């Protein structure tokens, strides 16, 4: 059976590791930008537009919870929600 030798602890402050954090951020930054552009922005934009009334070629106007209250009183909404859940 092989005998394991104890590993030496990594010295993060040694000159060999100088600049590792900068390199790590440079490699991770494109994924953060992609996440922000393709996930965060569309989510926030969709949330904003759910509280706004708009048409395709006009600017959105704020209507508040009106877009959420109106379907709550509609029987077809609840019927389709029930069908979608089942």
PDB file of N, CA and C in Angstrom:
ATOM      1  N   UNK A   1       0.847  -1.177   0.000  1.00  0.00           N
ATOM      2  CA  UNK A   1       0.000   0.000   0.000  1.00  0.00           C
ATOM      3  C   UNK A   1       0.891   1.239   0.000  1.00  0.00           C
ATOM      4  N   UNK A   2       0.509   2.188  -0.836  1.00  0.00           N
ATOM      5  CA  UNK A   2       1.299   3.412  -0.929  1.00  0.00           C
ATOM      6  C   UNK A   2       1.057   4.311   0.265  1.00  0.00           C
ATOM      7  N   UNK A   3       2.093   4.870   0.690  1.00  0.00           N
ATOM      8  CA  UNK A   3       1.991   5.804   1.808  1.00  0.00           C
ATOM      9  C   UNK A   3       1.863   7.217   1.248  1.00  0.00           C
ATOM     10  N   UNK A   4       0.863   7.942   1.676  1.00  0.00           N
ATOM     11  CA  UNK A   4       0.643   9.297   1.181  1.00  0.00           C
ATOM     12  C   UNK A   4       1.531  10.265   1.944  1.00  0.00           C
ATOM     13  N   UNK A   5       2.156  11.126   1.192  1.00  0.00           N
ATOM     14  CA  UNK A   5       2.956  12.163   1.832  1.00  0.00           C
ATOM     15  C   UNK A   5       2.060  13.366   2.080  1.00  0.00           C
ATOM     16  N   UNK A   6       2.237  14.017   3.201  1.00  0.00           N
ATOM     17  CA  UNK A   6       1.389  15.182   3.488  1.00  0.00           C
ATOM     18  C   UNK A   6       1.692  16.313   2.503  1.00  0.00           C
ATOM     19  N   UNK A   7       0.653  16.982   2.083  1.00  0.00           N
ATOM     20  CA  UNK A   7       0.816  18.101   1.159  1.00  0.00           C
ATOM     21  C   UNK A   7       1.162  19.364   1.919  1.00  0.00           C
ATOM     22  N   UNK A   8       1.971  20.172   1.257  1.00  0.00           N
ATOM     23  CA  UNK A   8       2.313  21.461   1.852  1.00  0.00           C
ATOM     24  C   UNK A   8       1.171  22.443   1.586  1.00  0.00           C
ATOM     25  N   UNK A   9       0.847  23.292   2.519  1.00  0.00           N
ATOM     26  CA  UNK A   9      -0.215  24.272   2.285  1.00  0.00           C
ATOM     27  C   UNK A   9       0.198  25.262   1.190  1.00  0.00           C
ATOM     28  N   UNK A  10      -0.777  25.715   0.425  1.00  0.00           N
ATOM     29  CA  UNK A  10      -0.528  26.674  -0.641  1.00  0.00           C
ATOM     30  C   UNK A  10      -0.364  28.052  -0.025  1.00  0.00           C
ATOM     31  N   UNK A  11       0.692  28.710  -0.403  1.00  0.00           N
ATOM     32  CA  UNK A  11       0.957  30.060   0.088  1.00  0.00           C
ATOM     33  C   UNK A  11       0.447  31.046  -0.953  1.00  0.00           C
ATOM     34  N   UNK A  12      -0.738  31.569  -0.763  1.00  0.00           N
ATOM     35  CA  UNK A  12      -1.372  32.445  -1.744  1.00  0.00           C
ATOM     36  C   UNK A  12      -0.652  33.779  -1.869  1.00  0.00           C
ATOM     37  N   UNK A  13       0.163  34.136  -0.905  1.00  0.00           N
ATOM     38  CA  UNK A  13       0.850  35.425  -0.973  1.00  0.00           C
ATOM     39  C   UNK A  13       2.234  35.299  -1.603  1.00  0.00           C
ATOM     40  N   UNK A  14       2.564  34.133  -2.101  1.00  0.00           N
ATOM     41  CA  UNK A  14       3.887  33.955  -2.710  1.00  0.00           C
ATOM     42  C   UNK A  14       3.933  34.650  -4.070  1.00  0.00           C
ATOM     43  N   UNK A  15       5.120  34.972  -4.562  1.00  0.00           N
ATOM     44  CA  UNK A  15       5.239  35.644  -5.858  1.00  0.00           C
ATOM     45  C   UNK A  15       4.679  34.826  -7.019  1.00  0.00           C
ATOM     46  N   UNK A  16       4.633  33.510  -6.895  1.00  0.00           N
ATOM     47  CA  UNK A  16       4.097  32.673  -7.969  1.00  0.00           C
ATOM     48  C   UNK A  16       2.603  32.900  -8.168  1.00  0.00           C
ATOM     49  N   UNK A  17       1.908  33.338  -7.134  1.00  0.00           N
ATOM     50  CA  UNK A  17       0.461  33.566  -7.216  1.00  0.00           C
ATOM     51  C   UNK A  17       0.108  35.030  -7.401  1.00  0.00           C
ATOM     52  N   UNK A  18       1.096  35.864  -7.615  1.00  0.00           N
ATOM     53  CA  UNK A  18       0.853  37.300  -7.797  1.00  0.00           C
ATOM     54  C   UNK A  18       0.077  37.519  -9.096  1.00  0.00           C
ATOM     55  N   UNK A  19      -1.029  38.205  -9.045  1.00  0.00           N
ATOM     56  CA  UNK A  19      -1.835  38.493 -10.231  1.00  0.00           C
ATOM     57  C   UNK A  19      -2.877  37.436 -10.546  1.00  0.00           C
ATOM     58  N   UNK A  20      -3.013  36.408  -9.729  1.00  0.00           N
ATOM     59  CA  UNK A  20      -4.012  35.374  -9.989  1.00  0.00           C
ATOM     60  C   UNK A  20      -5.433  35.922  -9.928  1.00  0.00           C
ATOM     61  N   UNK A  21      -5.681  36.799  -8.988  1.00  0.00           N
ATOM     62  CA  UNK A  21      -7.035  37.346  -8.849  1.00  0.00           C
ATOM     63  C   UNK A  21      -7.396  38.174 -10.078  1.00  0.00           C
ATOM     64  N   UNK A  22      -6.449  38.946 -10.584  1.00  0.00           N
ATOM     65  CA  UNK A  22      -6.698  39.761 -11.762  1.00  0.00           C
ATOM     66  C   UNK A  22      -6.991  38.869 -12.978  1.00  0.00           C
ATOM     67  N   UNK A  23      -6.225  37.806 -13.119  1.00  0.00           N
ATOM     68  CA  UNK A  23      -6.450  36.868 -14.212  1.00  0.00           C
ATOM     69  C   UNK A  23      -7.805  36.176 -14.072  1.00  0.00           C
ATOM     70  N   UNK A  24      -8.145  35.805 -12.849  1.00  0.00           N
ATOM     71  CA  UNK A  24      -9.436  35.149 -12.614  1.00  0.00           C
ATOM     72  C   UNK A  24     -10.590  36.070 -13.003  1.00  0.00           C
ATOM     73  N   UNK A  25     -10.523  37.343 -12.607  1.00  0.00           N
ATOM     74  CA  UNK A  25     -11.583  38.285 -12.969  1.00  0.00           C
ATOM     75  C   UNK A  25     -11.633  38.507 -14.478  1.00  0.00           C
ATOM     76  N   UNK A  26     -10.479  38.531 -15.133  1.00  0.00           N
ATOM     77  CA  UNK A  26     -10.458  38.710 -16.583  1.00  0.00           C
ATOM     78  C   UNK A  26     -11.107  37.521 -17.295  1.00  0.00           C
ATOM     79  N   UNK A  27     -10.953  36.332 -16.752  1.00  0.00           N
ATOM     80  CA  UNK A  27     -11.544  35.147 -17.366  1.00  0.00           C
ATOM     81  C   UNK A  27     -13.031  34.989 -17.036  1.00  0.00           C
ATOM     82  N   UNK A  28     -13.447  35.481 -15.874  1.00  0.00           N
ATOM     83  CA  UNK A  28     -14.842  35.348 -15.451  1.00  0.00           C
ATOM     84  C   UNK A  28     -15.718  36.484 -15.981  1.00  0.00           C
ATOM     85  N   UNK A  29     -15.140  37.637 -16.259  1.00  0.00           N
ATOM     86  CA  UNK A  29     -15.906  38.820 -16.676  1.00  0.00           C
ATOM     87  C   UNK A  29     -16.798  38.575 -17.894  1.00  0.00           C
ATOM     88  N   UNK A  30     -16.319  37.910 -18.955  1.00  0.00           N
ATOM     89  CA  UNK A  30     -17.235  37.700 -20.093  1.00  0.00           C
ATOM     90  C   UNK A  30     -18.491  36.903 -19.739  1.00  0.00           C
ATOM     91  N   UNK A  31     -18.371  35.959 -18.829  1.00  0.00           N
ATOM     92  CA  UNK A  31     -19.564  35.209 -18.444  1.00  0.00           C
ATOM     93  C   UNK A  31     -20.523  36.080 -17.633  1.00  0.00           C
ATOM     94  N   UNK A  32     -19.991  36.978 -16.807  1.00  0.00           N
ATOM     95  CA  UNK A  32     -20.855  37.909 -16.080  1.00  0.00           C
ATOM     96  C   UNK A  32     -21.582  38.840 -17.047  1.00  0.00           C
ATOM     97  N   UNK A  33     -20.878  39.320 -18.053  1.00  0.00           N
ATOM     98  CA  UNK A  33     -21.501  40.208 -19.039  1.00  0.00           C
ATOM     99  C   UNK A  33     -22.589  39.452 -19.806  1.00  0.00           C
ATOM    100  N   UNK A  34     -22.291  38.238 -20.228  1.00  0.00           N
ATOM    101  CA  UNK A  34     -23.291  37.443 -20.937  1.00  0.00           C
ATOM    102  C   UNK A  34     -24.502  37.153 -20.077  1.00  0.00           C
ATOM    103  N   UNK A  35     -24.281  36.850 -18.806  1.00  0.00           N
ATOM    104  CA  UNK A  35     -25.392  36.596 -17.893  1.00  0.00           C
ATOM    105  C   UNK A  35     -26.250  37.845 -17.733  1.00  0.00           C
ATOM    106  N   UNK A  36     -25.600  39.000 -17.597  1.00  0.00           N
ATOM    107  CA  UNK A  36     -26.348  40.246 -17.433  1.00  0.00           C
ATOM    108  C   UNK A  36     -27.154  40.576 -18.683  1.00  0.00           C
ATOM    109  N   UNK A  37     -26.552  40.375 -19.857  1.00  0.00           N
ATOM    110  CA  UNK A  37     -27.220  40.743 -21.105  1.00  0.00           C
ATOM    111  C   UNK A  37     -28.346  39.780 -21.450  1.00  0.00           C
ATOM    112  N   UNK A  38     -28.122  38.484 -21.256  1.00  0.00           N
ATOM    113  CA  UNK A  38     -29.089  37.495 -21.730  1.00  0.00           C
ATOM    114  C   UNK A  38     -30.019  36.948 -20.647  1.00  0.00           C
ATOM    115  N   UNK A  39     -29.807  37.266 -19.384  1.00  0.00           N
ATOM    116  CA  UNK A  39     -30.686  36.767 -18.321  1.00  0.00           C
ATOM    117  C   UNK A  39     -31.243  37.893 -17.458  1.00  0.00           C
ATOM    118  N   UNK A  40     -30.391  38.737 -16.915  1.00  0.00           N
ATOM    119  CA  UNK A  40     -30.855  39.754 -15.965  1.00  0.00           C
ATOM    120  C   UNK A  40     -31.678  40.832 -16.666  1.00  0.00           C
ATOM    121  N   UNK A  41     -31.158  41.396 -17.757  1.00  0.00           N
ATOM    122  CA  UNK A  41     -31.888  42.465 -18.445  1.00  0.00           C
ATOM    123  C   UNK A  41     -33.260  42.005 -18.949  1.00  0.00           C
ATOM    124  N   UNK A  42     -33.373  40.867 -19.662  1.00  0.00           N
ATOM    125  CA  UNK A  42     -34.713  40.461 -20.109  1.00  0.00           C
ATOM    126  C   UNK A  42     -35.681  40.189 -18.953  1.00  0.00           C
ATOM    127  N   UNK A  43     -35.166  39.669 -17.846  1.00  0.00           N
ATOM    128  CA  UNK A  43     -36.030  39.417 -16.696  1.00  0.00           C
ATOM    129  C   UNK A  43     -36.559  40.726 -16.122  1.00  0.00           C
ATOM    130  N   UNK A  44     -35.686  41.701 -15.928  1.00  0.00           N
ATOM    131  CA  UNK A  44     -36.124  42.991 -15.383  1.00  0.00           C
ATOM    132  C   UNK A  44     -37.022  43.734 -16.363  1.00  0.00           C
ATOM    133  N   UNK A  45     -36.715  43.643 -17.646  1.00  0.00           N
ATOM    134  CA  UNK A  45     -37.549  44.294 -18.656  1.00  0.00           C
ATOM    135  C   UNK A  45     -38.948  43.662 -18.693  1.00  0.00           C
ATOM    136  N   UNK A  46     -39.015  42.352 -18.610  1.00  0.00           N
ATOM    137  CA  UNK A  46     -40.304  41.673 -18.588  1.00  0.00           C
ATOM    138  C   UNK A  46     -41.116  42.021 -17.357  1.00  0.00           C
ATOM    139  N   UNK A  47     -40.437  42.137 -16.226  1.00  0.00           N
ATOM    140  CA  UNK A  47     -41.125  42.531 -14.995  1.00  0.00           C
ATOM    141  C   UNK A  47     -41.687  43.937 -15.126  1.00  0.00           C
ATOM    142  N   UNK A  48     -40.882  44.850 -15.688  1.00  0.00           N
ATOM    143  CA  UNK A  48     -41.361  46.218 -15.903  1.00  0.00           C
ATOM    144  C   UNK A  48     -42.556  46.238 -16.848  1.00  0.00           C
ATOM    145  N   UNK A  49     -42.453  45.506 -17.959  1.00  0.00           N
ATOM    146  CA  UNK A  49     -43.534  45.521 -18.949  1.00  0.00           C
ATOM    147  C   UNK A  49     -44.806  44.846 -18.438  1.00  0.00           C
ATOM    148  N   UNK A  50     -44.695  43.981 -17.428  1.00  0.00           N
ATOM    149  CA  UNK A  50     -45.910  43.377 -16.880  1.00  0.00           C
ATOM    150  C   UNK A  50     -46.733  44.392 -16.101  1.00  0.00           C
ATOM    151  N   UNK A  51     -46.125  45.505 -15.701  1.00  0.00           N
ATOM    152  CA  UNK A  51     -46.841  46.572 -14.996  1.00  0.00           C
ATOM    153  C   UNK A  51     -47.137  47.757 -15.910  1.00  0.00           C
ATOM    154  N   UNK A  52     -46.898  47.612 -17.212  1.00  0.00           N
ATOM    155  CA  UNK A  52     -47.092  48.717 -18.148  1.00  0.00           C
ATOM    156  C   UNK A  52     -48.062  48.312 -19.244  1.00  0.00           C
ATOM    157  N   UNK A  53     -48.747  49.305 -19.785  1.00  0.00           N
ATOM    158  CA  UNK A  53     -49.583  49.098 -20.956  1.00  0.00           C
ATOM    159  C   UNK A  53     -48.831  49.641 -22.158  1.00  0.00           C
ATOM    160  N   UNK A  54     -48.727  48.860 -23.202  1.00  0.00           N
ATOM    161  CA  UNK A  54     -47.956  49.320 -24.364  1.00  0.00           C
ATOM    162  C   UNK A  54     -48.442  48.645 -25.630  1.00  0.00           C
ATOM    163  N   UNK A  55     -48.156  49.283 -26.725  1.00  0.00           N
ATOM    164  CA  UNK A  55     -48.343  48.714 -28.056  1.00  0.00           C
ATOM    165  C   UNK A  55     -46.962  48.675 -28.688  1.00  0.00           C
ATOM    166  N   UNK A  56     -46.826  47.962 -29.781  1.00  0.00           N
ATOM    167  CA  UNK A  56     -45.509  47.690 -30.343  1.00  0.00           C
ATOM    168  C   UNK A  56     -44.729  48.959 -30.671  1.00  0.00           C
ATOM    169  N   UNK A  57     -45.336  49.931 -31.289  1.00  0.00           N
ATOM    170  CA  UNK A  57     -44.619  51.120 -31.737  1.00  0.00           C
ATOM    171  C   UNK A  57     -44.773  52.327 -30.821  1.00  0.00           C
ATOM    172  N   UNK A  58     -45.296  52.131 -29.644  1.00  0.00           N
ATOM    173  CA  UNK A  58     -45.458  53.252 -28.709  1.00  0.00           C
ATOM    174  C   UNK A  58     -44.660  52.983 -27.441  1.00  0.00           C
ATOM    175  N   UNK A  59     -44.437  54.034 -26.686  1.00  0.00           N
ATOM    176  CA  UNK A  59     -43.722  53.892 -25.418  1.00  0.00           C
ATOM    177  C   UNK A  59     -44.658  53.282 -24.374  1.00  0.00           C
ATOM    178  N   UNK A  60     -44.135  52.472 -23.481  1.00  0.00           N
ATOM    179  CA  UNK A  60     -44.980  51.897 -22.424  1.00  0.00           C
ATOM    180  C   UNK A  60     -45.485  52.975 -21.470  1.00  0.00           C
ATOM    181  N   UNK A  61     -46.708  52.827 -21.023  1.00  0.00           N
ATOM    182  CA  UNK A  61     -47.261  53.723 -20.009  1.00  0.00           C
ATOM    183  C   UNK A  61     -47.571  52.895 -18.764  1.00  0.00           C
ATOM    184  N   UNK A  62     -47.279  53.441 -17.629  1.00  0.00           N
ATOM    185  CA  UNK A  62     -47.409  52.725 -16.362  1.00  0.00           C
ATOM    186  C   UNK A  62     -48.873  52.541 -16.010  1.00  0.00           C
ATOM    187  N   UNK A  63     -49.300  51.296 -15.772  1.00  0.00           N
ATOM    188  CA  UNK A  63     -50.673  51.024 -15.350  1.00  0.00           C
ATOM    189  C   UNK A  63     -50.706  50.331 -13.994  1.00  0.00           C
ATOM    190  N   UNK A  64     -49.569  50.006 -13.450  1.00  0.00           N
ATOM    191  CA  UNK A  64     -49.499  49.390 -12.128  1.00  0.00           C
ATOM    192  C   UNK A  64     -50.012  47.959 -12.133  1.00  0.00           C
ATOM    193  N   UNK A  65     -50.768  47.627 -11.109  1.00  0.00           N
ATOM    194  CA  UNK A  65     -51.270  46.258 -10.965  1.00  0.00           C
ATOM    195  C   UNK A  65     -52.485  45.973 -11.841  1.00  0.00           C
ATOM    196  N   UNK A  66     -52.883  46.911 -12.677  1.00  0.00           N
ATOM    197  CA  UNK A  66     -54.048  46.716 -13.537  1.00  0.00           C
ATOM    198  C   UNK A  66     -53.924  45.496 -14.435  1.00  0.00           C
ATOM    199  N   UNK A  67     -52.719  45.234 -14.926  1.00  0.00           N
ATOM    200  CA  UNK A  67     -52.514  44.058 -15.777  1.00  0.00           C
ATOM    201  C   UNK A  67     -52.623  42.758 -14.993  1.00  0.00           C
ATOM    202  N   UNK A  68     -52.484  42.802 -13.697  1.00  0.00           N
ATOM    203  CA  UNK A  68     -52.551  41.594 -12.878  1.00  0.00           C
ATOM    204  C   UNK A  68     -53.926  41.421 -12.228  1.00  0.00           C
ATOM    205  N   UNK A  69     -54.619  42.512 -11.981  1.00  0.00           N
ATOM    206  CA  UNK A  69     -55.941  42.445 -11.350  1.00  0.00           C
ATOM    207  C   UNK A  69     -56.994  42.014 -12.364  1.00  0.00           C
ATOM    208  N   UNK A  70     -56.882  42.501 -13.590  1.00  0.00           N
ATOM    209  CA  UNK A  70     -57.877  42.198 -14.618  1.00  0.00           C
ATOM    210  C   UNK A  70     -58.015  40.696 -14.881  1.00  0.00           C
ATOM    211  N   UNK A  71     -56.940  39.934 -15.069  1.00  0.00           N
ATOM    212  CA  UNK A  71     -57.114  38.488 -15.286  1.00  0.00           C
ATOM    213  C   UNK A  71     -57.639  37.749 -14.052  1.00  0.00           C
ATOM    214  N   UNK A  72     -57.387  38.275 -12.869  1.00  0.00           N
ATOM    215  CA  UNK A  72     -57.835  37.589 -11.654  1.00  0.00           C
ATOM    216  C   UNK A  72     -59.349  37.490 -11.581  1.00  0.00           C
ATOM    217  N   UNK A  73     -60.050  38.395 -12.226  1.00  0.00           N
ATOM    218  CA  UNK A  73     -61.510  38.364 -12.220  1.00  0.00           C
ATOM    219  C   UNK A  73     -62.107  37.641 -13.412  1.00  0.00           C
ATOM    220  N   UNK A  74     -61.291  37.067 -14.268  1.00  0.00           N
ATOM    221  CA  UNK A  74     -61.760  36.406 -15.486  1.00  0.00           C
ATOM    222  C   UNK A  74     -61.811  34.896 -15.276  1.00  0.00           C
ATOM    223  N   UNK A  75     -62.984  34.284 -15.558  1.00  0.00           N
ATOM    224  CA  UNK A  75     -63.123  32.840 -15.328  1.00  0.00           C
ATOM    225  C   UNK A  75     -62.274  32.029 -16.303  1.00  0.00           C
ATOM    226  N   UNK A  76     -62.053  32.541 -17.515  1.00  0.00           N
ATOM    227  CA  UNK A  76     -61.241  31.808 -18.494  1.00  0.00           C
ATOM    228  C   UNK A  76     -59.772  31.741 -18.061  1.00  0.00           C
ATOM    229  N   UNK A  77     -59.310  32.758 -17.368  1.00  0.00           N
ATOM    230  CA  UNK A  77     -57.944  32.748 -16.852  1.00  0.00           C
ATOM    231  C   UNK A  77     -57.767  31.607 -15.861  1.00  0.00           C
ATOM    232  N   UNK A  78     -58.691  31.479 -14.928  1.00  0.00           N
ATOM    233  CA  UNK A  78     -58.576  30.431 -13.912  1.00  0.00           C
ATOM    234  C   UNK A  78     -58.743  29.049 -14.516  1.00  0.00           C
ATOM    235  N   UNK A  79     -59.615  28.947 -15.517  1.00  0.00           N
ATOM    236  CA  UNK A  79     -59.811  27.659 -16.191  1.00  0.00           C
ATOM    237  C   UNK A  79     -58.539  27.247 -16.936  1.00  0.00           C
ATOM    238  N   UNK A  80     -57.937  28.186 -17.646  1.00  0.00           N
ATOM    239  CA  UNK A  80     -56.711  27.858 -18.374  1.00  0.00           C
ATOM    240  C   UNK A  80     -55.538  27.645 -17.430  1.00  0.00           C
ATOM    241  N   UNK A  81     -55.507  28.354 -16.315  1.00  0.00           N
ATOM    242  CA  UNK A  81     -54.450  28.127 -15.328  1.00  0.00           C
ATOM    243  C   UNK A  81     -54.582  26.725 -14.735  1.00  0.00           C
ATOM    244  N   UNK A  82     -55.800  26.320 -14.431  1.00  0.00           N
ATOM    245  CA  UNK A  82     -56.016  24.972 -13.928  1.00  0.00           C
ATOM    246  C   UNK A  82     -55.640  23.904 -14.937  1.00  0.00           C
ATOM    247  N   UNK A  83     -55.946  24.146 -16.205  1.00  0.00           N
ATOM    248  CA  UNK A  83     -55.586  23.191 -17.243  1.00  0.00           C
ATOM    249  C   UNK A  83     -54.069  23.147 -17.445  1.00  0.00           C
ATOM    250  N   UNK A  84     -53.412  24.277 -17.278  1.00  0.00           N
ATOM    251  CA  UNK A  84     -51.965  24.312 -17.433  1.00  0.00           C
ATOM    252  C   UNK A  84     -51.231  23.645 -16.301  1.00  0.00           C
ATOM    253  N   UNK A  85     -51.786  23.687 -15.109  1.00  0.00           N
ATOM    254  CA  UNK A  85     -51.147  23.069 -13.942  1.00  0.00           C
ATOM    255  C   UNK A  85     -51.329  21.550 -13.990  1.00  0.00           C
ATOM    256  N   UNK A  86     -52.512  21.105 -14.429  1.00  0.00           N
ATOM    257  CA  UNK A  86     -52.762  19.653 -14.488  1.00  0.00           C
ATOM    258  C   UNK A  86     -52.043  19.130 -15.644  1.00  0.00           C
TER     259      UNK A  86
END
